[in-house]
Amino acid sequence: MTDRESMHDTRIQPGSAGPRQWIGLAVLALPTLLLAMDVTVLYLALPQLTADLRPTGVEQLWIADIYGFMIAGFLITMGTVGDRIGRRKLLMLGATAFGAASVLAAFATSPLLLIAARAVLGIAGATLMPSTLALISNMFRDARQRGLAIGVWATCMSAGIAVGPIVGGVMLESFWWGSVFLLGVPVMVLLLVTAPVLLPEYRDSAAGSVDLLSVALSLGAILPVIYGIKKFAETGLSAGSVAAIVVGGGLGWIFVRRQRELADPLLDLRMFGSRSFCAALLILLLSLGLVGGIYLFITQYLQLVHGLSALAAGLWLLPSAFALIVASVLTPVIARKVEPGYLVGAALAVTTVGYLVLAFTSALPTLVAGFILVYIGTSPLMVLGTDLVIGTAPPEKAGSAAAMSEASMEFGVAAGVAILGVIGTTVYRTDVARTGPAGIPDAATDSLAGAHAAVLPGQLGDALLVSAREAFTHGLNTVALSCAAVAALLTIAAVGLLRHVRTDDDISEPALPRSGE
């Protein structure tokens, strides 16, 4: 089929979506569900993984967030590639790669091999995520239907978060930690079978070739910053960490300059002319960063401080995930009556209260209640923020806009894990050094998992665990208080920047001219 024929057959005209579009949405929910599950099951698997592979504290951070960083690094490129070669085609290529990398991760025999497998999973995930959102934008041109479709997409992500701990917990009770990665294989096979039948193809036939220098610059802008953050986590503030961040910032500036000069840029900067686009990206990045960071601490707290099994920890997390699902379903309905600026502001206020509860308690029921509030407030941010970003772009730029939306969320989560992980780890190390018994191994002062793995005689081992658990709880409380401060500032910013934005036709105003206009 030629490009002309493909565009004729698959271009979605404005108007109500039909049965094929809604069935296609169900297919697009599969990778969304999987990608959400992949994050939560990994966090639950960390204690077993740590005991088996013996990663250092920094390697643990790499294992946890290299996936998100690689997604963030490649999303812009993959979103543009999807616009050019076809979004369904890119989706299927990504599904194949994701399934293969899942097998590699499941049978990793060393921390470095697992980090490498997670990196490949991130690159494959970068092909899946913009494809799903871009196809939703193409399939649902009516603003209300698109909002509902994105609400379904967000609900599937919430369901993945909900199902992940339970399914992962059951598997970890019966199998080794690598089994959680194999969950992705049947899902990807099902996607590969159904996508050609149910999903339309969509490509921008007028787009030029991908500028490889821009691809290199985009990676060069992100990866040194990642290295700088990791270096800071390992050794504290140093010339190397500062230099890496400066290099990344400099390459980012060169990347922006090049995009302005190209006739067909990798990233069309005119999209940033929309205030709602920029505000939504910033809010998504920061708010998802807070959630990603606190989630890592919560899952470890349940297992390593309270001694719960992976399955029991998953069950304690189920109420918060259920609250996220309900909020995702209700958000499009509430958005018809409440302007997005005030709805997003109210949601952020709820998350602020949730973080404050987490900051001033160590009791398990109260801690879970605080996390429920965090999740309730997170759902409107995901649904409305994503809709605001996607809705500002014309159809031919939907892949790029979807990539920016996903990049902000994924990079936010990964950066949140890294930065908040540094804060929590610093508090932990300081407290253990001050209150822990003398003569304990370095691994015990590096992380709570290391303290559990340390083999010490009698009372010395007991004293170490008491000190380590108290230090970790203090780190969790400190991280939560930091999250509350940022969420409070975002509440004010959301109301100020988004209060004039509507959720119906106004959302669909593009930030740059559509083709032919």
Protein backbone atom coordinates (compact mmCIF):
# COMPACT_ATOMS: atom_id res chain seq x y z
CA MET A 1 0.00 0.00 0.00
CA THR A 2 1.37 3.40 -0.96
CA ASP A 3 1.61 6.35 1.41
CA ARG A 4 -1.18 8.06 -0.53
CA GLU A 5 -3.45 5.00 -0.16
CA SER A 6 -2.52 4.59 3.49
CA MET A 7 -3.38 8.17 4.30
CA HIS A 8 -6.63 7.90 2.37
CA ASP A 9 -7.70 4.77 4.23
CA THR A 10 -6.63 5.71 7.74
CA ARG A 11 -6.97 9.45 8.17
CA ILE A 12 -9.47 10.01 10.97
CA GLN A 13 -11.93 12.75 10.12
CA PRO A 14 -13.41 15.01 12.82
CA GLY A 15 -16.60 13.63 14.34
CA SER A 16 -17.75 10.84 16.59
CA ALA A 17 -15.65 7.70 16.84
CA GLY A 18 -17.19 4.40 15.77
CA PRO A 19 -17.03 0.85 17.16
CA ARG A 20 -13.67 0.13 15.50
CA GLN A 21 -12.05 3.06 17.30
CA TRP A 22 -13.37 1.93 20.69
CA ILE A 23 -12.30 -1.67 20.12
CA GLY A 24 -8.91 -0.34 18.99
CA LEU A 25 -8.69 1.59 22.25
CA ALA A 26 -8.97 -1.73 24.10
CA VAL A 27 -5.96 -2.99 22.12
CA LEU A 28 -3.97 0.15 22.97
CA ALA A 29 -4.72 -0.46 26.64
CA LEU A 30 -2.56 -3.61 26.60
CA PRO A 31 0.91 -1.98 26.43
CA THR A 32 -0.27 0.76 28.80
CA LEU A 33 -1.34 -1.85 31.34
CA LEU A 34 1.94 -3.71 30.97
CA LEU A 35 4.20 -0.67 31.27
CA ALA A 36 2.48 0.33 34.52
CA MET A 37 2.77 -3.21 35.89
CA ASP A 38 6.44 -3.34 34.94
CA VAL A 39 7.25 -0.50 37.34
CA THR A 40 5.32 -1.74 40.36
CA VAL A 41 6.39 -5.37 40.17
CA LEU A 42 10.04 -4.33 39.99
CA TYR A 43 9.79 -2.33 43.22
CA LEU A 44 8.30 -5.32 45.00
CA ALA A 45 11.03 -7.56 43.59
CA LEU A 46 13.88 -5.33 44.81
CA PRO A 47 14.44 -7.08 48.18
CA GLN A 48 14.70 -10.54 46.56
CA LEU A 49 16.72 -9.13 43.69
CA THR A 50 19.11 -7.46 46.14
CA ALA A 51 19.60 -10.66 48.12
CA ASP A 52 20.33 -12.63 44.95
CA LEU A 53 22.44 -10.27 42.81
CA ARG A 54 23.94 -8.18 45.66
CA PRO A 55 23.85 -4.80 43.86
CA THR A 56 25.33 -1.75 45.56
CA GLY A 57 23.04 1.10 46.60
CA VAL A 58 23.87 3.01 43.42
CA GLU A 59 23.29 -0.10 41.29
CA GLN A 60 19.89 -0.45 42.94
CA LEU A 61 19.04 3.07 41.82
CA TRP A 62 20.23 2.30 38.30
CA ILE A 63 18.12 -0.88 38.19
CA ALA A 64 15.06 1.04 39.40
CA ASP A 65 15.23 4.07 37.14
CA ILE A 66 17.40 3.35 34.07
CA TYR A 67 14.20 2.09 32.43
CA GLY A 68 12.46 5.44 32.87
CA PHE A 69 15.51 7.45 31.89
CA MET A 70 15.99 5.53 28.64
CA ILE A 71 12.31 5.98 27.84
CA ALA A 72 12.65 9.70 28.47
CA GLY A 73 15.82 9.87 26.39
CA PHE A 74 14.34 8.15 23.34
CA LEU A 75 10.70 9.29 23.48
CA ILE A 76 11.22 12.44 21.41
CA THR A 77 13.02 10.47 18.74
CA MET A 78 10.51 7.62 18.70
CA GLY A 79 7.53 9.95 18.65
CA THR A 80 8.92 11.62 15.54
CA VAL A 81 9.85 8.27 13.96
CA GLY A 82 6.28 7.11 14.49
CA ASP A 83 4.97 10.20 12.70
CA ARG A 84 7.16 9.26 9.74
CA ILE A 85 7.09 5.46 9.41
CA GLY A 86 3.63 4.84 10.86
CA ARG A 87 2.48 4.69 14.46
CA ARG A 88 1.05 1.18 14.26
CA LYS A 89 4.25 -0.09 12.66
CA LEU A 90 6.36 1.48 15.41
CA LEU A 91 4.02 0.02 18.04
CA MET A 92 4.54 -3.49 16.69
CA LEU A 93 8.31 -3.11 16.41
CA GLY A 94 8.40 -1.91 20.00
CA ALA A 95 6.24 -4.81 21.17
CA THR A 96 8.65 -7.31 19.62
CA ALA A 97 11.69 -5.67 21.21
CA PHE A 98 9.97 -5.32 24.59
CA GLY A 99 9.09 -9.02 24.71
CA ALA A 100 12.65 -10.05 23.89
CA ALA A 101 14.18 -7.67 26.44
CA SER A 102 11.76 -8.93 29.11
CA VAL A 103 13.20 -12.44 28.71
CA LEU A 104 16.74 -11.04 28.96
CA ALA A 105 15.87 -9.20 32.19
CA ALA A 106 14.17 -12.25 33.69
CA PHE A 107 17.31 -14.36 33.42
CA ALA A 108 19.92 -11.71 34.26
CA THR A 109 22.78 -13.11 36.34
CA SER A 110 24.44 -9.87 37.48
CA PRO A 111 23.44 -6.29 38.36
CA LEU A 112 25.15 -4.95 35.22
CA LEU A 113 23.32 -7.39 32.96
CA LEU A 114 19.99 -6.48 34.57
CA ILE A 115 20.74 -2.78 34.17
CA ALA A 116 21.52 -3.37 30.49
CA ALA A 117 18.30 -5.35 30.01
CA ARG A 118 16.30 -2.62 31.73
CA ALA A 119 17.92 -0.08 29.41
CA VAL A 120 16.80 -2.07 26.35
CA LEU A 121 13.32 -2.32 27.87
CA GLY A 122 13.32 1.46 28.21
CA ILE A 123 14.24 1.97 24.55
CA ALA A 124 11.53 -0.50 23.50
CA GLY A 125 9.05 1.21 25.83
CA ALA A 126 9.87 4.51 24.15
CA THR A 127 8.44 3.10 20.92
CA LEU A 128 5.25 1.89 22.60
CA MET A 129 4.21 4.86 24.68
CA PRO A 130 3.97 7.68 22.12
CA SER A 131 2.37 5.29 19.64
CA THR A 132 -0.54 4.51 21.98
CA LEU A 133 -1.31 8.15 22.80
CA ALA A 134 -0.78 9.37 19.23
CA LEU A 135 -3.15 6.76 17.87
CA ILE A 136 -5.73 7.72 20.48
CA SER A 137 -5.41 11.35 19.35
CA ASN A 138 -5.89 10.31 15.70
CA MET A 139 -8.77 7.95 16.42
CA PHE A 140 -10.72 10.34 18.66
CA ARG A 141 -10.83 13.84 17.19
CA ASP A 142 -13.92 14.90 19.15
CA ALA A 143 -12.59 16.66 22.27
CA ARG A 144 -15.04 15.02 24.69
CA GLN A 145 -14.48 11.55 23.26
CA ARG A 146 -10.75 12.09 23.29
CA GLY A 147 -10.91 13.11 26.94
CA LEU A 148 -12.88 9.96 27.73
CA ALA A 149 -10.44 7.82 25.72
CA ILE A 150 -7.46 9.31 27.54
CA GLY A 151 -9.35 8.72 30.78
CA VAL A 152 -9.61 5.05 29.81
CA TRP A 153 -5.89 5.07 28.97
CA ALA A 154 -5.09 6.54 32.40
CA THR A 155 -7.43 4.04 34.06
CA CYS A 156 -5.53 1.20 32.40
CA MET A 157 -2.31 2.63 33.75
CA SER A 158 -3.97 2.76 37.17
CA ALA A 159 -5.18 -0.82 36.76
CA GLY A 160 -1.63 -1.87 35.95
CA ILE A 161 -0.46 -0.24 39.15
CA ALA A 162 -3.24 -2.04 41.02
CA VAL A 163 -2.74 -5.47 39.45
CA GLY A 164 1.05 -5.29 39.42
CA PRO A 165 1.62 -5.70 43.17
CA ILE A 166 -0.93 -8.52 43.43
CA VAL A 167 0.23 -10.48 40.39
CA GLY A 168 3.86 -9.74 41.18
CA GLY A 169 3.36 -10.71 44.82
CA VAL A 170 1.79 -14.03 43.86
CA MET A 171 4.62 -14.77 41.44
CA LEU A 172 7.29 -13.77 43.95
CA GLU A 173 5.74 -16.11 46.50
CA SER A 174 6.12 -19.05 44.11
CA PHE A 175 8.93 -18.16 41.70
CA TRP A 176 12.22 -16.26 41.53
CA TRP A 177 12.35 -12.46 41.16
CA GLY A 178 12.99 -12.64 37.39
CA SER A 179 9.56 -14.16 36.79
CA VAL A 180 7.92 -10.73 37.13
CA PHE A 181 9.54 -9.61 33.89
CA LEU A 182 8.00 -12.52 31.98
CA LEU A 183 4.56 -10.98 32.49
CA GLY A 184 5.27 -8.79 29.47
CA VAL A 185 5.78 -11.63 27.01
CA PRO A 186 2.17 -12.87 26.56
CA VAL A 187 0.86 -9.30 26.55
CA MET A 188 3.21 -8.34 23.73
CA VAL A 189 2.30 -11.47 21.76
CA LEU A 190 -1.41 -10.62 22.07
CA LEU A 191 -0.73 -7.06 20.92
CA LEU A 192 1.19 -8.28 17.88
CA VAL A 193 -1.69 -10.55 16.89
CA THR A 194 -4.53 -8.02 17.29
CA ALA A 195 -2.94 -4.72 16.25
CA PRO A 196 -2.90 -5.34 12.45
CA VAL A 197 -6.60 -6.20 12.54
CA LEU A 198 -7.99 -3.54 14.87
CA LEU A 199 -5.67 -0.52 14.74
CA PRO A 200 -5.47 1.94 11.84
CA GLU A 201 -2.12 3.06 10.48
CA TYR A 202 -1.30 6.76 10.55
CA ARG A 203 1.76 8.56 9.25
CA ASP A 204 2.64 12.08 8.20
CA SER A 205 3.45 11.59 4.52
CA ALA A 206 4.79 15.17 4.29
CA ALA A 207 7.39 14.65 7.04
CA GLY A 208 11.06 14.64 6.13
CA SER A 209 13.78 12.29 7.29
CA VAL A 210 14.89 12.07 10.91
CA ASP A 211 17.83 14.36 11.67
CA LEU A 212 20.40 12.03 13.23
CA LEU A 213 22.42 14.89 14.71
CA SER A 214 19.32 16.04 16.58
CA VAL A 215 18.83 12.50 17.87
CA ALA A 216 22.40 12.45 19.15
CA LEU A 217 22.02 15.89 20.73
CA SER A 218 18.78 14.93 22.48
CA LEU A 219 20.46 11.89 24.02
CA GLY A 220 23.57 13.91 24.81
CA ALA A 221 21.44 16.46 26.63
CA ILE A 222 19.68 13.90 28.85
CA LEU A 223 22.23 11.19 29.61
CA PRO A 224 24.99 13.40 31.10
CA VAL A 225 22.43 14.92 33.43
CA ILE A 226 21.45 11.41 34.49
CA TYR A 227 25.09 10.57 35.11
CA GLY A 228 25.53 13.73 37.16
CA ILE A 229 22.57 12.85 39.36
CA LYS A 230 23.84 9.29 39.82
CA LYS A 231 27.34 10.51 40.61
CA PHE A 232 25.89 12.80 43.23
CA ALA A 233 23.99 9.83 44.70
CA GLU A 234 27.23 7.86 44.90
CA THR A 235 29.81 10.38 46.09
CA GLY A 236 27.94 13.58 46.89
CA LEU A 237 28.51 16.91 45.21
CA SER A 238 31.70 16.76 43.15
CA ALA A 239 33.37 18.36 40.16
CA GLY A 240 32.44 15.33 38.04
CA SER A 241 28.72 15.46 38.84
CA VAL A 242 28.54 19.21 38.28
CA ALA A 243 30.50 18.96 35.01
CA ALA A 244 28.18 16.24 33.69
CA ILE A 245 25.08 18.33 34.40
CA VAL A 246 26.67 21.40 32.79
CA VAL A 247 27.61 19.38 29.68
CA GLY A 248 24.06 18.04 29.43
CA GLY A 249 22.64 21.54 29.75
CA GLY A 250 25.01 22.84 27.08
CA LEU A 251 24.08 20.09 24.63
CA GLY A 252 20.43 20.78 25.38
CA TRP A 253 20.93 24.42 24.41
CA ILE A 254 22.60 23.34 21.15
CA PHE A 255 19.70 20.94 20.51
CA VAL A 256 17.16 23.75 20.89
CA ARG A 257 19.16 26.03 18.59
CA ARG A 258 19.29 23.32 15.93
CA GLN A 259 15.56 22.65 16.10
CA ARG A 260 14.91 26.33 15.41
CA GLU A 261 17.07 26.20 12.29
CA LEU A 262 15.71 22.99 10.72
CA ALA A 263 12.82 23.07 8.27
CA ASP A 264 11.65 19.70 9.61
CA PRO A 265 12.89 19.53 13.22
CA LEU A 266 12.97 16.49 15.44
CA LEU A 267 10.99 18.52 17.99
CA ASP A 268 8.75 21.33 16.75
CA LEU A 269 9.34 24.08 19.30
CA ARG A 270 6.24 25.96 18.15
CA MET A 271 4.22 23.59 20.34
CA PHE A 272 5.73 25.37 23.33
CA GLY A 273 3.94 28.54 22.25
CA SER A 274 0.87 27.22 24.05
CA ARG A 275 0.83 28.16 27.74
CA SER A 276 -1.39 25.19 28.61
CA PHE A 277 1.03 22.85 26.80
CA CYS A 278 4.02 24.11 28.80
CA ALA A 279 2.16 24.24 32.12
CA ALA A 280 0.76 20.74 31.67
CA LEU A 281 4.22 19.35 30.83
CA LEU A 282 5.78 20.98 33.90
CA ILE A 283 3.03 19.78 36.23
CA LEU A 284 3.19 16.25 34.83
CA LEU A 285 6.98 16.13 35.18
CA LEU A 286 7.12 17.35 38.77
CA SER A 287 4.02 15.65 40.15
CA LEU A 288 4.86 12.23 38.66
CA GLY A 289 8.42 12.67 39.93
CA LEU A 290 7.08 13.03 43.46
CA VAL A 291 4.88 9.94 43.14
CA GLY A 292 7.66 7.82 41.61
CA GLY A 293 10.10 8.72 44.36
CA ILE A 294 7.73 8.15 47.27
CA TYR A 295 6.46 4.87 45.81
CA LEU A 296 9.95 3.39 45.90
CA PHE A 297 10.23 4.22 49.61
CA ILE A 298 6.73 2.97 50.44
CA THR A 299 7.27 -0.47 48.87
CA GLN A 300 10.59 -0.96 50.66
CA TYR A 301 9.10 0.33 53.91
CA LEU A 302 6.34 -2.28 53.83
CA GLN A 303 8.74 -5.16 53.24
CA LEU A 304 11.93 -4.16 55.04
CA VAL A 305 10.61 -2.17 58.00
CA HIS A 306 7.36 -4.04 58.69
CA GLY A 307 8.65 -7.37 57.39
CA LEU A 308 5.75 -8.03 55.02
CA SER A 309 6.02 -10.52 52.19
CA ALA A 310 5.80 -9.26 48.61
CA LEU A 311 2.19 -10.47 48.39
CA ALA A 312 1.19 -8.87 51.69
CA ALA A 313 2.84 -5.61 50.63
CA GLY A 314 0.89 -5.73 47.38
CA LEU A 315 -2.37 -6.19 49.28
CA TRP A 316 -1.61 -3.17 51.49
CA LEU A 317 -1.03 -1.12 48.32
CA LEU A 318 -4.28 -2.30 46.72
CA PRO A 319 -6.58 0.34 48.36
CA SER A 320 -4.47 3.20 47.01
CA ALA A 321 -4.38 1.68 43.54
CA PHE A 322 -8.16 1.14 43.64
CA ALA A 323 -8.58 4.81 44.61
CA LEU A 324 -6.45 5.77 41.60
CA ILE A 325 -8.66 3.70 39.28
CA VAL A 326 -11.87 5.25 40.62
CA ALA A 327 -10.45 8.75 40.36
CA SER A 328 -9.32 8.07 36.77
CA VAL A 329 -12.87 7.04 35.81
CA LEU A 330 -14.49 10.03 37.52
CA THR A 331 -12.06 12.70 36.29
CA PRO A 332 -13.52 13.10 32.74
CA VAL A 333 -17.01 13.41 34.24
CA ILE A 334 -15.97 16.02 36.79
CA ALA A 335 -13.97 17.89 34.14
CA ARG A 336 -17.20 18.63 32.25
CA LYS A 337 -18.35 20.83 35.13
CA VAL A 338 -15.09 22.12 36.66
CA GLU A 339 -12.43 24.07 34.77
CA PRO A 340 -9.15 22.12 34.52
CA GLY A 341 -7.06 24.72 36.35
CA TYR A 342 -9.22 24.45 39.46
CA LEU A 343 -9.60 20.67 39.16
CA VAL A 344 -5.86 20.12 38.79
CA GLY A 345 -5.23 22.60 41.62
CA ALA A 346 -7.67 20.74 43.88
CA ALA A 347 -6.03 17.43 42.98
CA LEU A 348 -2.60 18.79 43.86
CA ALA A 349 -3.96 20.09 47.16
CA VAL A 350 -5.16 16.56 47.96
CA THR A 351 -1.72 15.15 47.17
CA THR A 352 -0.15 17.79 49.42
CA VAL A 353 -2.28 16.59 52.34
CA GLY A 354 -1.36 13.00 51.53
CA TYR A 355 2.36 13.77 51.58
CA LEU A 356 1.98 15.59 54.89
CA VAL A 357 0.32 12.51 56.39
CA LEU A 358 3.26 10.42 55.17
CA ALA A 359 5.72 12.94 56.59
CA PHE A 360 4.40 12.81 60.16
CA THR A 361 3.52 9.16 60.74
CA SER A 362 5.09 5.73 60.82
CA ALA A 363 1.96 3.74 61.67
CA LEU A 364 1.10 1.39 58.83
CA PRO A 365 -2.67 2.17 58.49
CA THR A 366 -2.08 5.92 58.57
CA LEU A 367 0.76 5.59 56.11
CA VAL A 368 -1.48 3.71 53.66
CA ALA A 369 -4.22 6.33 54.15
CA GLY A 370 -1.75 9.08 53.22
CA PHE A 371 -0.72 7.16 50.10
CA ILE A 372 -4.40 6.80 49.12
CA LEU A 373 -4.72 10.60 49.19
CA VAL A 374 -1.60 10.93 47.06
CA TYR A 375 -3.03 8.58 44.45
CA ILE A 376 -6.47 10.21 44.45
CA GLY A 377 -4.85 13.53 43.65
CA THR A 378 -2.52 12.06 41.03
CA SER A 379 -5.22 10.73 38.69
CA PRO A 380 -6.63 14.10 37.48
CA LEU A 381 -3.07 15.25 36.79
CA MET A 382 -2.47 12.28 34.49
CA VAL A 383 -5.81 12.50 32.67
CA LEU A 384 -6.17 16.25 32.25
CA GLY A 385 -2.47 16.98 31.88
CA THR A 386 -2.15 14.42 29.09
CA ASP A 387 -5.32 15.67 27.38
CA LEU A 388 -4.09 19.26 27.51
CA VAL A 389 -0.76 18.31 25.93
CA ILE A 390 -2.20 16.06 23.21
CA GLY A 391 -5.13 18.35 22.46
CA THR A 392 -2.95 21.34 21.63
CA ALA A 393 -1.23 19.55 18.72
CA PRO A 394 -2.59 19.01 15.19
CA PRO A 395 -2.96 15.39 14.01
CA GLU A 396 0.32 15.26 12.08
CA LYS A 397 2.22 16.26 15.25
CA ALA A 398 0.34 13.94 17.59
CA GLY A 399 3.31 11.59 17.87
CA SER A 400 5.64 14.38 18.93
CA ALA A 401 3.10 15.79 21.39
CA ALA A 402 2.45 12.33 22.84
CA ALA A 403 6.20 11.80 23.15
CA MET A 404 6.56 15.07 25.05
CA SER A 405 3.72 14.11 27.40
CA GLU A 406 5.17 10.68 28.05
CA ALA A 407 8.71 12.05 28.31
CA SER A 408 7.65 14.50 30.98
CA MET A 409 5.99 11.72 32.99
CA GLU A 410 8.72 9.12 32.55
CA PHE A 411 11.61 11.50 33.04
CA GLY A 412 9.75 12.92 36.03
CA VAL A 413 9.32 9.51 37.63
CA ALA A 414 12.94 8.53 36.97
CA ALA A 415 14.30 11.88 38.17
CA GLY A 416 12.05 11.67 41.23
CA VAL A 417 13.42 8.25 42.09
CA ALA A 418 16.98 9.52 41.68
CA ILE A 419 16.67 12.87 43.45
CA LEU A 420 14.36 11.76 46.24
CA GLY A 421 16.42 8.58 46.50
CA VAL A 422 19.48 10.74 47.15
CA ILE A 423 17.61 12.67 49.86
CA GLY A 424 16.35 9.53 51.58
CA THR A 425 19.69 7.73 51.27
CA THR A 426 21.54 10.73 52.71
CA VAL A 427 19.23 10.81 55.73
CA TYR A 428 19.60 7.04 56.15
CA ARG A 429 23.40 7.11 55.99
CA THR A 430 23.63 10.03 58.40
CA ASP A 431 21.33 8.41 60.95
CA VAL A 432 22.97 4.97 60.78
CA ALA A 433 26.42 6.50 61.14
CA ARG A 434 25.21 8.42 64.19
CA THR A 435 23.06 5.80 65.96
CA GLY A 436 24.19 2.44 64.55
CA PRO A 437 26.59 0.08 66.34
CA ALA A 438 30.30 0.31 65.64
CA GLY A 439 32.06 -2.05 63.28
CA ILE A 440 29.19 -2.72 60.88
CA PRO A 441 29.98 -3.43 57.19
CA ASP A 442 29.81 -0.64 54.62
CA ALA A 443 26.88 -2.28 52.82
CA ALA A 444 24.75 -1.89 55.96
CA THR A 445 25.36 1.87 56.01
CA ASP A 446 24.55 2.11 52.29
CA SER A 447 20.94 0.89 52.34
CA LEU A 448 18.34 -0.83 54.50
CA ALA A 449 18.45 -3.86 52.19
CA GLY A 450 22.20 -4.00 52.84
CA ALA A 451 21.57 -3.96 56.58
CA HIS A 452 19.17 -6.89 56.23
CA ALA A 453 21.72 -8.80 54.17
CA ALA A 454 24.53 -8.24 56.68
CA VAL A 455 25.37 -11.29 58.77
CA LEU A 456 26.20 -10.12 62.30
CA PRO A 457 26.16 -12.04 65.59
CA GLY A 458 23.34 -11.76 68.15
CA GLN A 459 22.71 -8.39 69.72
CA LEU A 460 24.92 -6.55 67.22
CA GLY A 461 22.70 -7.68 64.35
CA ASP A 462 19.53 -6.76 66.24
CA ALA A 463 20.88 -3.33 67.13
CA LEU A 464 21.83 -2.71 63.50
CA LEU A 465 18.35 -3.59 62.23
CA VAL A 466 16.62 -1.36 64.81
CA SER A 467 18.86 1.56 63.91
CA ALA A 468 18.56 0.92 60.16
CA ARG A 469 14.75 0.71 60.24
CA GLU A 470 14.45 3.91 62.24
CA ALA A 471 16.86 5.65 59.85
CA PHE A 472 14.91 4.48 56.81
CA THR A 473 11.62 5.67 58.34
CA HIS A 474 13.20 9.07 59.01
CA GLY A 475 14.34 9.16 55.39
CA LEU A 476 10.83 8.33 54.19
CA ASN A 477 9.33 11.08 56.36
CA THR A 478 11.88 13.60 55.09
CA VAL A 479 11.20 12.69 51.46
CA ALA A 480 7.44 12.98 52.02
CA LEU A 481 7.85 16.43 53.57
CA SER A 482 9.89 17.55 50.56
CA CYS A 483 7.14 16.23 48.29
CA ALA A 484 4.50 18.15 50.23
CA ALA A 485 6.40 21.41 49.77
CA VAL A 486 6.72 20.92 46.00
CA ALA A 487 3.07 19.81 45.66
CA ALA A 488 1.90 22.94 47.49
CA LEU A 489 3.82 25.15 45.05
CA LEU A 490 2.40 23.21 42.10
CA THR A 491 -1.12 23.77 43.46
CA ILE A 492 -0.67 27.52 43.21
CA ALA A 493 0.97 27.27 39.80
CA ALA A 494 -1.81 25.07 38.35
CA VAL A 495 -4.59 27.46 39.33
CA GLY A 496 -2.65 30.45 38.05
CA LEU A 497 -1.54 28.95 34.71
CA LEU A 498 -4.52 26.76 33.78
CA ARG A 499 -7.52 28.61 35.19
CA HIS A 500 -8.61 29.95 31.77
CA VAL A 501 -8.29 26.64 29.92
CA ARG A 502 -11.41 24.66 29.01
CA THR A 503 -11.74 20.90 28.61
CA ASP A 504 -13.96 20.93 25.53
CA ASP A 505 -13.26 22.66 22.24
CA ASP A 506 -10.72 25.12 23.66
CA ILE A 507 -8.34 22.28 24.45
CA SER A 508 -8.23 21.40 20.78
CA GLU A 509 -6.79 24.74 19.69
CA PRO A 510 -3.39 23.86 18.20
CA ALA A 511 -0.21 25.55 19.27
CA LEU A 512 0.96 25.69 15.66
CA PRO A 513 -0.86 25.84 12.32
CA ARG A 514 -2.29 22.64 10.94
CA SER A 515 -1.24 21.42 7.53
CA GLY A 516 -3.03 23.26 4.78
CA GLU A 517 -4.07 26.22 6.93
